[in-house]
Amino acid sequence: MNRFSVIYLLRKQYHHIYSATHAEAESVLQHLLTQKGHTPIGIYDAKTELFYWEPNRQNKYDQSLIEEQGKLGDQITSIAQTLRHQDEAWQPQANSIAQLLSLNP
């Protein structure tokens, strides 16, 4: 099962890459930091519905007011769930680590 989704921005659109483990997702997130045009956002855990922000974003999140944290958390969770539902509806074989490797031309 692809429990985790690494969320990132590319060309002003949200995308995700599935990962089976949190460690794998962290590795994917780190790799995205090196990819031109890719802006890593964080890791969504579909089982617990928790979101782990990319470290720089986590710092900004931690400094936000409680109300703003709740709003940001709800927004990113909704985005992650929407991306996952779209894949389930449209593609039997969705994004995977193999797709990340194909990001390098």
C-alpha atoms as a PDB file:
ATOM      1  CA  MET A   1       0.000   0.000   0.000  1.00  0.00           C
ATOM      2  CA  ASN A   2       1.188   3.520  -0.791  1.00  0.00           C
ATOM      3  CA  ARG A   3       0.363   5.062   2.536  1.00  0.00           C
ATOM      4  CA  PHE A   4       2.331   8.285   2.064  1.00  0.00           C
ATOM      5  CA  SER A   5       2.148  11.037  -0.541  1.00  0.00           C
ATOM      6  CA  VAL A   6       4.963  13.504  -1.076  1.00  0.00           C
ATOM      7  CA  ILE A   7       3.290  16.762  -2.065  1.00  0.00           C
ATOM      8  CA  TYR A   8       5.095  19.281  -4.255  1.00  0.00           C
ATOM      9  CA  LEU A   9       4.421  22.195  -6.579  1.00  0.00           C
ATOM     10  CA  LEU A  10       5.406  22.151 -10.227  1.00  0.00           C
ATOM     11  CA  ARG A  11       4.360  24.930 -12.596  1.00  0.00           C
ATOM     12  CA  LYS A  12       1.985  26.330  -9.965  1.00  0.00           C
ATOM     13  CA  GLN A  13       0.106  23.018  -9.660  1.00  0.00           C
ATOM     14  CA  TYR A  14       0.147  20.513  -6.834  1.00  0.00           C
ATOM     15  CA  HIS A  15       1.392  16.995  -7.567  1.00  0.00           C
ATOM     16  CA  HIS A  16       2.236  13.987  -5.446  1.00  0.00           C
ATOM     17  CA  ILE A  17       4.364  10.885  -5.474  1.00  0.00           C
ATOM     18  CA  TYR A  18       3.306   7.811  -3.546  1.00  0.00           C
ATOM     19  CA  SER A  19       5.655   6.152  -1.059  1.00  0.00           C
ATOM     20  CA  ALA A  20       5.179   2.974   0.941  1.00  0.00           C
ATOM     21  CA  THR A  21       7.124   4.100   4.027  1.00  0.00           C
ATOM     22  CA  HIS A  22       7.792   7.382   5.783  1.00  0.00           C
ATOM     23  CA  ALA A  23      11.544   6.909   5.295  1.00  0.00           C
ATOM     24  CA  GLU A  24      11.045   6.489   1.557  1.00  0.00           C
ATOM     25  CA  ALA A  25       8.834   9.603   1.497  1.00  0.00           C
ATOM     26  CA  GLU A  26      11.518  11.616   3.299  1.00  0.00           C
ATOM     27  CA  SER A  27      14.051  10.475   0.727  1.00  0.00           C
ATOM     28  CA  VAL A  28      11.744  11.527  -2.106  1.00  0.00           C
ATOM     29  CA  LEU A  29      11.177  14.900  -0.427  1.00  0.00           C
ATOM     30  CA  GLN A  30      14.942  15.461  -0.159  1.00  0.00           C
ATOM     31  CA  HIS A  31      15.388  14.481  -3.799  1.00  0.00           C
ATOM     32  CA  LEU A  32      12.745  16.978  -4.893  1.00  0.00           C
ATOM     33  CA  LEU A  33      14.751  19.748  -3.230  1.00  0.00           C
ATOM     34  CA  THR A  34      17.405  19.188  -5.916  1.00  0.00           C
ATOM     35  CA  GLN A  35      14.978  19.222  -8.854  1.00  0.00           C
ATOM     36  CA  LYS A  36      14.677  22.469 -10.788  1.00  0.00           C
ATOM     37  CA  GLY A  37      11.143  23.831 -10.778  1.00  0.00           C
ATOM     38  CA  HIS A  38       9.925  21.468  -8.050  1.00  0.00           C
ATOM     39  CA  THR A  39       8.884  22.998  -4.735  1.00  0.00           C
ATOM     40  CA  PRO A  40       8.528  20.334  -2.019  1.00  0.00           C
ATOM     41  CA  ILE A  41       5.646  20.979   0.379  1.00  0.00           C
ATOM     42  CA  GLY A  42       5.680  17.936   2.658  1.00  0.00           C
ATOM     43  CA  ILE A  43       4.461  14.414   3.332  1.00  0.00           C
ATOM     44  CA  TYR A  44       0.859  13.313   3.820  1.00  0.00           C
ATOM     45  CA  ASP A  45       0.109  10.127   5.774  1.00  0.00           C
ATOM     46  CA  ALA A  46      -3.158   8.701   4.442  1.00  0.00           C
ATOM     47  CA  LYS A  47      -3.594   6.317   7.374  1.00  0.00           C
ATOM     48  CA  THR A  48      -3.412   8.928  10.140  1.00  0.00           C
ATOM     49  CA  GLU A  49      -4.386  11.906   7.923  1.00  0.00           C
ATOM     50  CA  LEU A  50      -1.410  13.832   9.326  1.00  0.00           C
ATOM     51  CA  PHE A  51       0.801  16.139   7.300  1.00  0.00           C
ATOM     52  CA  TYR A  52       4.539  16.628   7.829  1.00  0.00           C
ATOM     53  CA  TRP A  53       5.754  19.908   6.385  1.00  0.00           C
ATOM     54  CA  GLU A  54       9.054  20.266   4.565  1.00  0.00           C
ATOM     55  CA  PRO A  55      11.502  21.666   7.197  1.00  0.00           C
ATOM     56  CA  ASN A  56      11.517  25.302   5.987  1.00  0.00           C
ATOM     57  CA  ARG A  57       7.745  25.310   5.747  1.00  0.00           C
ATOM     58  CA  GLN A  58       7.531  23.686   9.190  1.00  0.00           C
ATOM     59  CA  ASN A  59       9.389  26.643  10.688  1.00  0.00           C
ATOM     60  CA  LYS A  60       6.938  29.089   9.101  1.00  0.00           C
ATOM     61  CA  TYR A  61       4.017  26.920  10.188  1.00  0.00           C
ATOM     62  CA  ASP A  62       5.291  26.819  13.785  1.00  0.00           C
ATOM     63  CA  GLN A  63       5.476  30.624  13.870  1.00  0.00           C
ATOM     64  CA  SER A  64       1.912  31.063  12.596  1.00  0.00           C
ATOM     65  CA  LEU A  65      -1.049  31.780  14.825  1.00  0.00           C
ATOM     66  CA  ILE A  66      -3.083  28.757  15.925  1.00  0.00           C
ATOM     67  CA  GLU A  67      -5.984  29.809  13.680  1.00  0.00           C
ATOM     68  CA  GLU A  68      -3.662  30.061  10.680  1.00  0.00           C
ATOM     69  CA  GLN A  69      -2.105  26.663  11.476  1.00  0.00           C
ATOM     70  CA  GLY A  70      -5.550  25.081  11.460  1.00  0.00           C
ATOM     71  CA  LYS A  71      -6.424  26.725   8.148  1.00  0.00           C
ATOM     72  CA  LEU A  72      -3.126  25.672   6.531  1.00  0.00           C
ATOM     73  CA  GLY A  73      -3.454  22.144   7.875  1.00  0.00           C
ATOM     74  CA  ASP A  74      -6.983  21.789   6.537  1.00  0.00           C
ATOM     75  CA  GLN A  75      -5.972  23.166   3.129  1.00  0.00           C
ATOM     76  CA  ILE A  76      -2.969  20.901   2.623  1.00  0.00           C
ATOM     77  CA  THR A  77      -4.837  17.834   3.888  1.00  0.00           C
ATOM     78  CA  SER A  78      -7.652  18.572   1.439  1.00  0.00           C
ATOM     79  CA  ILE A  79      -5.147  18.985  -1.411  1.00  0.00           C
ATOM     80  CA  ALA A  80      -3.416  15.700  -0.569  1.00  0.00           C
ATOM     81  CA  GLN A  81      -6.708  13.802  -0.315  1.00  0.00           C
ATOM     82  CA  THR A  82      -7.920  15.268  -3.610  1.00  0.00           C
ATOM     83  CA  LEU A  83      -4.718  14.237  -5.399  1.00  0.00           C
ATOM     84  CA  ARG A  84      -5.023  10.707  -4.037  1.00  0.00           C
ATOM     85  CA  HIS A  85      -8.728  10.443  -4.968  1.00  0.00           C
ATOM     86  CA  GLN A  86      -8.025  11.672  -8.488  1.00  0.00           C
ATOM     87  CA  ASP A  87      -5.407   8.973  -8.948  1.00  0.00           C
ATOM     88  CA  GLU A  88      -7.746   6.304  -7.614  1.00  0.00           C
ATOM     89  CA  ALA A  89     -10.479   7.400 -10.000  1.00  0.00           C
ATOM     90  CA  TRP A  90      -8.334   7.898 -13.110  1.00  0.00           C
ATOM     91  CA  GLN A  91      -5.321   5.611 -12.911  1.00  0.00           C
ATOM     92  CA  PRO A  92      -4.991   2.076 -11.602  1.00  0.00           C
ATOM     93  CA  GLN A  93      -1.186   2.523 -11.480  1.00  0.00           C
ATOM     94  CA  ALA A  94      -0.563   5.964  -9.970  1.00  0.00           C
ATOM     95  CA  ASN A  95       2.626   7.868  -9.177  1.00  0.00           C
ATOM     96  CA  SER A  96       5.422   5.835  -7.659  1.00  0.00           C
ATOM     97  CA  ILE A  97       9.096   6.049  -6.824  1.00  0.00           C
ATOM     98  CA  ALA A  98       9.769   4.949 -10.418  1.00  0.00           C
ATOM     99  CA  GLN A  99       8.017   8.088 -11.602  1.00  0.00           C
ATOM    100  CA  LEU A 100      10.258  10.232  -9.406  1.00  0.00           C
ATOM    101  CA  LEU A 101      13.297   8.668 -11.019  1.00  0.00           C
ATOM    102  CA  SER A 102      11.923   9.640 -14.417  1.00  0.00           C
ATOM    103  CA  LEU A 103      11.925  13.317 -13.345  1.00  0.00           C
ATOM    104  CA  ASN A 104      15.640  13.439 -14.131  1.00  0.00           C
ATOM    105  CA  PRO A 105      15.986  13.967 -17.881  1.00  0.00           C
END
